[in-house]
PDB file of N, CA and C in Angstrom:
ATOM      1  N   MET A   1     172.514 -52.785 197.849  1.00  0.00           N
ATOM      2  CA  MET A   1     172.313 -53.225 196.493  1.00  0.00           C
ATOM      3  C   MET A   1     171.391 -52.231 195.781  1.00  0.00           C
ATOM      4  N   LYS A   2     171.821 -51.818 194.613  1.00  0.00           N
ATOM      5  CA  LYS A   2     171.085 -50.819 193.855  1.00  0.00           C
ATOM      6  C   LYS A   2     169.965 -51.484 193.047  1.00  0.00           C
ATOM      7  N   LYS A   3     168.782 -50.917 193.112  1.00  0.00           N
ATOM      8  CA  LYS A   3     167.636 -51.438 192.374  1.00  0.00           C
ATOM      9  C   LYS A   3     167.743 -51.023 190.906  1.00  0.00           C
ATOM     10  N   LYS A   4     167.547 -51.980 190.005  1.00  0.00           N
ATOM     11  CA  LYS A   4     167.628 -51.690 188.584  1.00  0.00           C
ATOM     12  C   LYS A   4     166.350 -51.004 188.118  1.00  0.00           C
ATOM     13  N   ASN A   5     166.527 -49.978 187.342  1.00  0.00           N
ATOM     14  CA  ASN A   5     165.400 -49.263 186.778  1.00  0.00           C
ATOM     15  C   ASN A   5     165.198 -49.754 185.353  1.00  0.00           C
ATOM     16  N   ARG A   6     164.101 -50.421 185.110  1.00  0.00           N
ATOM     17  CA  ARG A   6     163.837 -50.973 183.779  1.00  0.00           C
ATOM     18  C   ARG A   6     162.680 -50.216 183.155  1.00  0.00           C
ATOM     19  N   GLU A   7     162.956 -49.684 181.996  1.00  0.00           N
ATOM     20  CA  GLU A   7     161.916 -48.987 181.262  1.00  0.00           C
ATOM     21  C   GLU A   7     161.753 -49.664 179.905  1.00  0.00           C
ATOM     22  N   PHE A   8     160.550 -50.053 179.620  1.00  0.00           N
ATOM     23  CA  PHE A   8     160.245 -50.702 178.356  1.00  0.00           C
ATOM     24  C   PHE A   8     159.091 -49.973 177.689  1.00  0.00           C
ATOM     25  N   GLN A   9     159.114 -50.001 176.396  1.00  0.00           N
ATOM     26  CA  GLN A   9     157.951 -49.548 175.650  1.00  0.00           C
ATOM     27  C   GLN A   9     156.922 -50.675 175.701  1.00  0.00           C
ATOM     28  N   SER A  10     155.662 -50.337 175.676  1.00  0.00           N
ATOM     29  CA  SER A  10     154.637 -51.380 175.735  1.00  0.00           C
ATOM     30  C   SER A  10     154.746 -52.329 174.546  1.00  0.00           C
ATOM     31  N   SER A  11     155.131 -51.803 173.373  1.00  0.00           N
ATOM     32  CA  SER A  11     155.275 -52.673 172.206  1.00  0.00           C
ATOM     33  C   SER A  11     156.417 -53.683 172.403  1.00  0.00           C
ATOM     34  N   ASP A  12     157.478 -53.276 173.090  1.00  0.00           N
ATOM     35  CA  ASP A  12     158.576 -54.202 173.372  1.00  0.00           C
ATOM     36  C   ASP A  12     158.111 -55.319 174.300  1.00  0.00           C
ATOM     37  N   LEU A  13     157.277 -54.983 175.256  1.00  0.00           N
ATOM     38  CA  LEU A  13     156.752 -55.995 176.172  1.00  0.00           C
ATOM     39  C   LEU A  13     155.845 -56.980 175.439  1.00  0.00           C
ATOM     40  N   VAL A  14     155.015 -56.474 174.547  1.00  0.00           N
ATOM     41  CA  VAL A  14     154.124 -57.345 173.778  1.00  0.00           C
ATOM     42  C   VAL A  14     154.940 -58.273 172.886  1.00  0.00           C
ATOM     43  N   LYS A  15     155.977 -57.743 172.218  1.00  0.00           N
ATOM     44  CA  LYS A  15     156.829 -58.571 171.357  1.00  0.00           C
ATOM     45  C   LYS A  15     157.542 -59.652 172.169  1.00  0.00           C
ATOM     46  N   SER A  16     158.026 -59.276 173.327  1.00  0.00           N
ATOM     47  CA  SER A  16     158.708 -60.234 174.187  1.00  0.00           C
ATOM     48  C   SER A  16     157.745 -61.329 174.649  1.00  0.00           C
ATOM     49  N   PHE A  17     156.561 -60.935 175.060  1.00  0.00           N
ATOM     50  CA  PHE A  17     155.543 -61.882 175.498  1.00  0.00           C
ATOM     51  C   PHE A  17     155.170 -62.821 174.351  1.00  0.00           C
ATOM     52  N   ALA A  18     155.014 -62.272 173.145  1.00  0.00           N
ATOM     53  CA  ALA A  18     154.661 -63.084 171.972  1.00  0.00           C
ATOM     54  C   ALA A  18     155.759 -64.078 171.650  1.00  0.00           C
ATOM     55  N   ARG A  19     157.001 -63.654 171.765  1.00  0.00           N
ATOM     56  CA  ARG A  19     158.133 -64.541 171.486  1.00  0.00           C
ATOM     57  C   ARG A  19     158.160 -65.693 172.486  1.00  0.00           C
ATOM     58  N   ILE A  20     157.932 -65.387 173.761  1.00  0.00           N
ATOM     59  CA  ILE A  20     157.968 -66.415 174.799  1.00  0.00           C
ATOM     60  C   ILE A  20     156.865 -67.446 174.593  1.00  0.00           C
ATOM     61  N   TYR A  21     155.652 -66.976 174.292  1.00  0.00           N
ATOM     62  CA  TYR A  21     154.515 -67.885 174.182  1.00  0.00           C
ATOM     63  C   TYR A  21     154.209 -68.330 172.760  1.00  0.00           C
ATOM     64  N   GLY A  22     155.013 -67.909 171.794  1.00  0.00           N
ATOM     65  CA  GLY A  22     154.945 -68.440 170.440  1.00  0.00           C
ATOM     66  C   GLY A  22     153.793 -67.964 169.580  1.00  0.00           C
ATOM     67  N   PHE A  23     153.343 -66.746 169.750  1.00  0.00           N
ATOM     68  CA  PHE A  23     152.314 -66.260 168.835  1.00  0.00           C
ATOM     69  C   PHE A  23     152.742 -64.985 168.116  1.00  0.00           C
ATOM     70  N   GLU A  24     154.003 -64.944 167.714  1.00  0.00           N
ATOM     71  CA  GLU A  24     154.513 -63.820 166.922  1.00  0.00           C
ATOM     72  C   GLU A  24     153.800 -63.731 165.574  1.00  0.00           C
ATOM     73  N   ASP A  25     153.496 -64.905 164.988  1.00  0.00           N
ATOM     74  CA  ASP A  25     152.824 -64.929 163.688  1.00  0.00           C
ATOM     75  C   ASP A  25     151.465 -64.249 163.752  1.00  0.00           C
ATOM     76  N   LYS A  26     150.756 -64.432 164.852  1.00  0.00           N
ATOM     77  CA  LYS A  26     149.431 -63.825 164.996  1.00  0.00           C
ATOM     78  C   LYS A  26     149.537 -62.300 165.070  1.00  0.00           C
ATOM     79  N   ILE A  27     150.561 -61.792 165.727  1.00  0.00           N
ATOM     80  CA  ILE A  27     150.757 -60.338 165.813  1.00  0.00           C
ATOM     81  C   ILE A  27     151.069 -59.766 164.436  1.00  0.00           C
ATOM     82  N   ILE A  28     151.876 -60.467 163.655  1.00  0.00           N
ATOM     83  CA  ILE A  28     152.180 -60.017 162.287  1.00  0.00           C
ATOM     84  C   ILE A  28     150.898 -60.009 161.451  1.00  0.00           C
ATOM     85  N   ALA A  29     150.079 -61.046 161.584  1.00  0.00           N
ATOM     86  CA  ALA A  29     148.820 -61.111 160.840  1.00  0.00           C
ATOM     87  C   ALA A  29     147.890 -59.960 161.221  1.00  0.00           C
ATOM     88  N   ILE A  30     147.862 -59.600 162.483  1.00  0.00           N
ATOM     89  CA  ILE A  30     147.035 -58.479 162.934  1.00  0.00           C
ATOM     90  C   ILE A  30     147.542 -57.168 162.342  1.00  0.00           C
ATOM     91  N   LYS A  31     148.851 -56.996 162.292  1.00  0.00           N
ATOM     92  CA  LYS A  31     149.416 -55.781 161.689  1.00  0.00           C
ATOM     93  C   LYS A  31     149.040 -55.686 160.209  1.00  0.00           C
ATOM     94  N   ILE A  32     149.085 -56.808 159.511  1.00  0.00           N
ATOM     95  CA  ILE A  32     148.751 -56.812 158.090  1.00  0.00           C
ATOM     96  C   ILE A  32     147.259 -56.545 157.895  1.00  0.00           C
ATOM     97  N   LYS A  33     146.430 -57.098 158.762  1.00  0.00           N
ATOM     98  CA  LYS A  33     144.994 -56.828 158.673  1.00  0.00           C
ATOM     99  C   LYS A  33     144.710 -55.349 158.927  1.00  0.00           C
ATOM    100  N   ASP A  34     145.417 -54.742 159.868  1.00  0.00           N
ATOM    101  CA  ASP A  34     145.283 -53.298 160.113  1.00  0.00           C
ATOM    102  C   ASP A  34     145.706 -52.498 158.886  1.00  0.00           C
ATOM    103  N   PHE A  35     146.793 -52.929 158.242  1.00  0.00           N
ATOM    104  CA  PHE A  35     147.244 -52.261 157.016  1.00  0.00           C
ATOM    105  C   PHE A  35     146.164 -52.342 155.939  1.00  0.00           C
ATOM    106  N   LEU A  36     145.568 -53.532 155.771  1.00  0.00           N
ATOM    107  CA  LEU A  36     144.525 -53.706 154.759  1.00  0.00           C
ATOM    108  C   LEU A  36     143.295 -52.860 155.075  1.00  0.00           C
ATOM    109  N   GLU A  37     142.997 -52.701 156.343  1.00  0.00           N
ATOM    110  CA  GLU A  37     141.862 -51.865 156.736  1.00  0.00           C
ATOM    111  C   GLU A  37     142.086 -50.410 156.328  1.00  0.00           C
ATOM    112  N   ASP A  38     143.322 -49.947 156.452  1.00  0.00           N
ATOM    113  CA  ASP A  38     143.661 -48.584 156.030  1.00  0.00           C
ATOM    114  C   ASP A  38     143.749 -48.474 154.510  1.00  0.00           C
ATOM    115  N   TYR A  39     144.245 -49.511 153.869  1.00  0.00           N
ATOM    116  CA  TYR A  39     144.494 -49.497 152.428  1.00  0.00           C
ATOM    117  C   TYR A  39     143.204 -49.602 151.614  1.00  0.00           C
ATOM    118  N   LEU A  40     142.303 -50.491 152.036  1.00  0.00           N
ATOM    119  CA  LEU A  40     141.053 -50.720 151.308  1.00  0.00           C
ATOM    120  C   LEU A  40     139.943 -49.847 151.882  1.00  0.00           C
ATOM    121  N   ASP A  41     138.907 -49.624 151.082  1.00  0.00           N
ATOM    122  CA  ASP A  41     137.779 -48.892 151.648  1.00  0.00           C
ATOM    123  C   ASP A  41     136.943 -49.842 152.513  1.00  0.00           C
ATOM    124  N   GLU A  42     136.009 -49.297 153.239  1.00  0.00           N
ATOM    125  CA  GLU A  42     135.255 -50.054 154.242  1.00  0.00           C
ATOM    126  C   GLU A  42     134.508 -51.250 153.649  1.00  0.00           C
ATOM    127  N   ASN A  43     133.881 -51.065 152.481  1.00  0.00           N
ATOM    128  CA  ASN A  43     133.118 -52.151 151.850  1.00  0.00           C
ATOM    129  C   ASN A  43     134.029 -53.289 151.394  1.00  0.00           C
ATOM    130  N   LEU A  44     135.166 -52.955 150.815  1.00  0.00           N
ATOM    131  CA  LEU A  44     136.101 -53.996 150.382  1.00  0.00           C
ATOM    132  C   LEU A  44     136.710 -54.719 151.571  1.00  0.00           C
ATOM    133  N   PHE A  45     137.057 -53.961 152.617  1.00  0.00           N
ATOM    134  CA  PHE A  45     137.658 -54.592 153.787  1.00  0.00           C
ATOM    135  C   PHE A  45     136.688 -55.558 154.468  1.00  0.00           C
ATOM    136  N   SER A  46     135.392 -55.258 154.412  1.00  0.00           N
ATOM    137  CA  SER A  46     134.402 -56.151 155.035  1.00  0.00           C
ATOM    138  C   SER A  46     134.351 -57.508 154.334  1.00  0.00           C
ATOM    139  N   GLU A  47     134.855 -57.599 153.105  1.00  0.00           N
ATOM    140  CA  GLU A  47     134.886 -58.864 152.370  1.00  0.00           C
ATOM    141  C   GLU A  47     136.054 -59.761 152.784  1.00  0.00           C
ATOM    142  N   ILE A  48     136.999 -59.220 153.536  1.00  0.00           N
ATOM    143  CA  ILE A  48     138.131 -60.035 154.005  1.00  0.00           C
ATOM    144  C   ILE A  48     137.694 -60.801 155.243  1.00  0.00           C
ATOM    145  N   ASP A  49     137.747 -62.119 155.141  1.00  0.00           N
ATOM    146  CA  ASP A  49     137.267 -62.979 156.216  1.00  0.00           C
ATOM    147  C   ASP A  49     138.332 -63.162 157.304  1.00  0.00           C
ATOM    148  N   SER A  50     139.573 -63.472 156.899  1.00  0.00           N
ATOM    149  CA  SER A  50     140.631 -63.678 157.892  1.00  0.00           C
ATOM    150  C   SER A  50     142.004 -63.474 157.268  1.00  0.00           C
ATOM    151  N   VAL A  51     142.967 -63.184 158.143  1.00  0.00           N
ATOM    152  CA  VAL A  51     144.368 -63.048 157.754  1.00  0.00           C
ATOM    153  C   VAL A  51     145.176 -63.850 158.768  1.00  0.00           C
ATOM    154  N   ASN A  52     145.936 -64.821 158.276  1.00  0.00           N
ATOM    155  CA  ASN A  52     146.759 -65.656 159.155  1.00  0.00           C
ATOM    156  C   ASN A  52     148.140 -65.855 158.539  1.00  0.00           C
ATOM    157  N   LEU A  53     149.106 -66.109 159.411  1.00  0.00           N
ATOM    158  CA  LEU A  53     150.463 -66.411 158.979  1.00  0.00           C
ATOM    159  C   LEU A  53     150.842 -67.773 159.541  1.00  0.00           C
ATOM    160  N   LYS A  54     151.128 -68.709 158.618  1.00  0.00           N
ATOM    161  CA  LYS A  54     151.511 -70.064 159.026  1.00  0.00           C
ATOM    162  C   LYS A  54     152.773 -70.458 158.275  1.00  0.00           C
ATOM    163  N   GLU A  55     153.820 -70.723 159.016  1.00  0.00           N
ATOM    164  CA  GLU A  55     155.096 -71.161 158.444  1.00  0.00           C
ATOM    165  C   GLU A  55     155.560 -70.242 157.320  1.00  0.00           C
ATOM    166  N   LYS A  56     155.550 -68.949 157.585  1.00  0.00           N
ATOM    167  CA  LYS A  56     156.002 -67.888 156.680  1.00  0.00           C
ATOM    168  C   LYS A  56     155.118 -67.703 155.444  1.00  0.00           C
ATOM    169  N   ILE A  57     153.948 -68.321 155.432  1.00  0.00           N
ATOM    170  CA  ILE A  57     153.009 -68.144 154.328  1.00  0.00           C
ATOM    171  C   ILE A  57     151.807 -67.372 154.850  1.00  0.00           C
ATOM    172  N   LEU A  58     151.571 -66.221 154.260  1.00  0.00           N
ATOM    173  CA  LEU A  58     150.444 -65.378 154.649  1.00  0.00           C
ATOM    174  C   LEU A  58     149.203 -65.861 153.915  1.00  0.00           C
ATOM    175  N   VAL A  59     148.163 -66.215 154.672  1.00  0.00           N
ATOM    176  CA  VAL A  59     146.921 -66.742 154.106  1.00  0.00           C
ATOM    177  C   VAL A  59     145.821 -65.707 154.338  1.00  0.00           C
ATOM    178  N   ILE A  60     145.241 -65.222 153.230  1.00  0.00           N
ATOM    179  CA  ILE A  60     144.150 -64.256 153.315  1.00  0.00           C
ATOM    180  C   ILE A  60     142.897 -64.911 152.725  1.00  0.00           C
ATOM    181  N   ARG A  61     141.851 -65.010 153.542  1.00  0.00           N
ATOM    182  CA  ARG A  61     140.570 -65.563 153.093  1.00  0.00           C
ATOM    183  C   ARG A  61     139.645 -64.408 152.746  1.00  0.00           C
ATOM    184  N   ILE A  62     139.115 -64.451 151.516  1.00  0.00           N
ATOM    185  CA  ILE A  62     138.267 -63.371 151.008  1.00  0.00           C
ATOM    186  C   ILE A  62     136.933 -63.967 150.559  1.00  0.00           C
ATOM    187  N   LYS A  63     135.836 -63.329 150.972  1.00  0.00           N
ATOM    188  CA  LYS A  63     134.486 -63.805 150.639  1.00  0.00           C
ATOM    189  C   LYS A  63     134.121 -63.506 149.183  1.00  0.00           C
ATOM    190  N   SER A  64     134.401 -62.313 148.731  1.00  0.00           N
ATOM    191  CA  SER A  64     133.980 -61.854 147.410  1.00  0.00           C
ATOM    192  C   SER A  64     134.860 -62.437 146.297  1.00  0.00           C
ATOM    193  N   PRO A  65     134.253 -63.093 145.309  1.00  0.00           N
ATOM    194  CA  PRO A  65     135.048 -63.627 144.185  1.00  0.00           C
ATOM    195  C   PRO A  65     135.774 -62.540 143.389  1.00  0.00           C
ATOM    196  N   LEU A  66     135.144 -61.370 143.251  1.00  0.00           N
ATOM    197  CA  LEU A  66     135.789 -60.288 142.503  1.00  0.00           C
ATOM    198  C   LEU A  66     137.029 -59.764 143.226  1.00  0.00           C
ATOM    199  N   LEU A  67     136.908 -59.545 144.517  1.00  0.00           N
ATOM    200  CA  LEU A  67     138.058 -59.067 145.292  1.00  0.00           C
ATOM    201  C   LEU A  67     139.142 -60.136 145.360  1.00  0.00           C
ATOM    202  N   LYS A  68     138.730 -61.382 145.481  1.00  0.00           N
ATOM    203  CA  LYS A  68     139.688 -62.498 145.503  1.00  0.00           C
ATOM    204  C   LYS A  68     140.493 -62.525 144.207  1.00  0.00           C
ATOM    205  N   ASN A  69     139.811 -62.353 143.083  1.00  0.00           N
ATOM    206  CA  ASN A  69     140.485 -62.340 141.792  1.00  0.00           C
ATOM    207  C   ASN A  69     141.438 -61.152 141.678  1.00  0.00           C
ATOM    208  N   ASP A  70     141.019 -59.998 142.172  1.00  0.00           N
ATOM    209  CA  ASP A  70     141.874 -58.811 142.156  1.00  0.00           C
ATOM    210  C   ASP A  70     143.150 -59.039 142.975  1.00  0.00           C
ATOM    211  N   PHE A  71     143.000 -59.631 144.147  1.00  0.00           N
ATOM    212  CA  PHE A  71     144.170 -59.924 144.981  1.00  0.00           C
ATOM    213  C   PHE A  71     145.093 -60.923 144.291  1.00  0.00           C
ATOM    214  N   ARG A  72     144.514 -61.921 143.635  1.00  0.00           N
ATOM    215  CA  ARG A  72     145.335 -62.923 142.941  1.00  0.00           C
ATOM    216  C   ARG A  72     146.104 -62.304 141.782  1.00  0.00           C
ATOM    217  N   MET A  73     145.450 -61.372 141.060  1.00  0.00           N
ATOM    218  CA  MET A  73     146.129 -60.719 139.939  1.00  0.00           C
ATOM    219  C   MET A  73     147.259 -59.814 140.421  1.00  0.00           C
ATOM    220  N   ARG A  74     147.110 -59.219 141.598  1.00  0.00           N
ATOM    221  CA  ARG A  74     148.127 -58.315 142.128  1.00  0.00           C
ATOM    222  C   ARG A  74     148.890 -58.952 143.292  1.00  0.00           C
ATOM    223  N   LYS A  75     149.020 -60.261 143.255  1.00  0.00           N
ATOM    224  CA  LYS A  75     149.670 -61.013 144.334  1.00  0.00           C
ATOM    225  C   LYS A  75     151.093 -60.526 144.593  1.00  0.00           C
ATOM    226  N   SER A  76     151.880 -60.345 143.561  1.00  0.00           N
ATOM    227  CA  SER A  76     153.275 -59.930 143.745  1.00  0.00           C
ATOM    228  C   SER A  76     153.353 -58.529 144.355  1.00  0.00           C
ATOM    229  N   PHE A  77     152.434 -57.642 143.966  1.00  0.00           N
ATOM    230  CA  PHE A  77     152.391 -56.303 144.543  1.00  0.00           C
ATOM    231  C   PHE A  77     152.122 -56.375 146.044  1.00  0.00           C
ATOM    232  N   PHE A  78     151.091 -57.142 146.430  1.00  0.00           N
ATOM    233  CA  PHE A  78     150.745 -57.247 147.849  1.00  0.00           C
ATOM    234  C   PHE A  78     151.837 -57.976 148.637  1.00  0.00           C
ATOM    235  N   LEU A  79     152.415 -59.009 148.052  1.00  0.00           N
ATOM    236  CA  LEU A  79     153.488 -59.732 148.741  1.00  0.00           C
ATOM    237  C   LEU A  79     154.653 -58.800 149.044  1.00  0.00           C
ATOM    238  N   LYS A  80     155.057 -58.006 148.073  1.00  0.00           N
ATOM    239  CA  LYS A  80     156.162 -57.054 148.303  1.00  0.00           C
ATOM    240  C   LYS A  80     155.782 -56.018 149.358  1.00  0.00           C
ATOM    241  N   LYS A  81     154.535 -55.565 149.339  1.00  0.00           N
ATOM    242  CA  LYS A  81     154.056 -54.594 150.326  1.00  0.00           C
ATOM    243  C   LYS A  81     154.145 -55.178 151.736  1.00  0.00           C
ATOM    244  N   PHE A  82     153.671 -56.411 151.890  1.00  0.00           N
ATOM    245  CA  PHE A  82     153.683 -57.062 153.199  1.00  0.00           C
ATOM    246  C   PHE A  82     155.106 -57.386 153.653  1.00  0.00           C
ATOM    247  N   GLN A  83     155.956 -57.790 152.716  1.00  0.00           N
ATOM    248  CA  GLN A  83     157.355 -58.062 153.063  1.00  0.00           C
ATOM    249  C   GLN A  83     158.055 -56.774 153.484  1.00  0.00           C
ATOM    250  N   HIS A  84     157.710 -55.678 152.858  1.00  0.00           N
ATOM    251  CA  HIS A  84     158.282 -54.389 153.243  1.00  0.00           C
ATOM    252  C   HIS A  84     157.834 -54.003 154.656  1.00  0.00           C
ATOM    253  N   LEU A  85     156.584 -54.317 155.002  1.00  0.00           N
ATOM    254  CA  LEU A  85     156.065 -54.008 156.333  1.00  0.00           C
ATOM    255  C   LEU A  85     156.730 -54.840 157.427  1.00  0.00           C
ATOM    256  N   GLU A  86     156.863 -56.136 157.185  1.00  0.00           N
ATOM    257  CA  GLU A  86     157.315 -57.050 158.235  1.00  0.00           C
ATOM    258  C   GLU A  86     158.663 -57.710 157.986  1.00  0.00           C
ATOM    259  N   GLY A  87     159.183 -57.617 156.790  1.00  0.00           N
ATOM    260  CA  GLY A  87     160.475 -58.233 156.487  1.00  0.00           C
ATOM    261  C   GLY A  87     160.327 -59.495 155.672  1.00  0.00           C
ATOM    262  N   GLU A  88     161.238 -59.656 154.723  1.00  0.00           N
ATOM    263  CA  GLU A  88     161.185 -60.827 153.844  1.00  0.00           C
ATOM    264  C   GLU A  88     161.434 -62.127 154.590  1.00  0.00           C
ATOM    265  N   GLU A  89     162.154 -62.063 155.696  1.00  0.00           N
ATOM    266  CA  GLU A  89     162.447 -63.286 156.445  1.00  0.00           C
ATOM    267  C   GLU A  89     161.219 -63.810 157.189  1.00  0.00           C
ATOM    268  N   LYS A  90     160.183 -62.981 157.364  1.00  0.00           N
ATOM    269  CA  LYS A  90     158.985 -63.413 158.096  1.00  0.00           C
ATOM    270  C   LYS A  90     157.853 -63.843 157.180  1.00  0.00           C
ATOM    271  N   ILE A  91     157.829 -63.342 155.940  1.00  0.00           N
ATOM    272  CA  ILE A  91     156.776 -63.690 154.980  1.00  0.00           C
ATOM    273  C   ILE A  91     157.444 -64.113 153.673  1.00  0.00           C
ATOM    274  N   SER A  92     157.236 -65.373 153.294  1.00  0.00           N
ATOM    275  CA  SER A  92     157.858 -65.856 152.067  1.00  0.00           C
ATOM    276  C   SER A  92     156.885 -65.978 150.906  1.00  0.00           C
ATOM    277  N   ASP A  93     155.594 -66.135 151.202  1.00  0.00           N
ATOM    278  CA  ASP A  93     154.613 -66.318 150.133  1.00  0.00           C
ATOM    279  C   ASP A  93     153.242 -65.820 150.590  1.00  0.00           C
ATOM    280  N   LEU A  94     152.360 -65.623 149.624  1.00  0.00           N
ATOM    281  CA  LEU A  94     151.012 -65.126 149.874  1.00  0.00           C
ATOM    282  C   LEU A  94     150.035 -66.091 149.225  1.00  0.00           C
ATOM    283  N   LEU A  95     149.048 -66.532 150.006  1.00  0.00           N
ATOM    284  CA  LEU A  95     148.025 -67.455 149.516  1.00  0.00           C
ATOM    285  C   LEU A  95     146.665 -66.777 149.685  1.00  0.00           C
ATOM    286  N   ILE A  96     145.933 -66.681 148.583  1.00  0.00           N
ATOM    287  CA  ILE A  96     144.613 -66.055 148.595  1.00  0.00           C
ATOM    288  C   ILE A  96     143.570 -67.165 148.491  1.00  0.00           C
ATOM    289  N   LEU A  97     142.693 -67.280 149.473  1.00  0.00           N
ATOM    290  CA  LEU A  97     141.642 -68.303 149.465  1.00  0.00           C
ATOM    291  C   LEU A  97     140.275 -67.661 149.494  1.00  0.00           C
TER     292      LEU A  97
END
């Protein structure tokens, strides 16, 4: 009997593991938080408290009222950016708290 040679990328293994144990949403939220870290400068990024995805709704908690207002004014811009990153089928709306 011939032994099967299986080669996987580490990212494929993580995605598979996430799918099995049901935390795909958390991985998407981490990717979006990484994007925001690159997109915003260090001081602005420190004002972001958390990023979560629940039932296709991305929830971003922001400490600073000014940054929160800026995100709310540009909600459609950020929503399209995040949908482009992860797909429209995974993110349907953006909630800024």
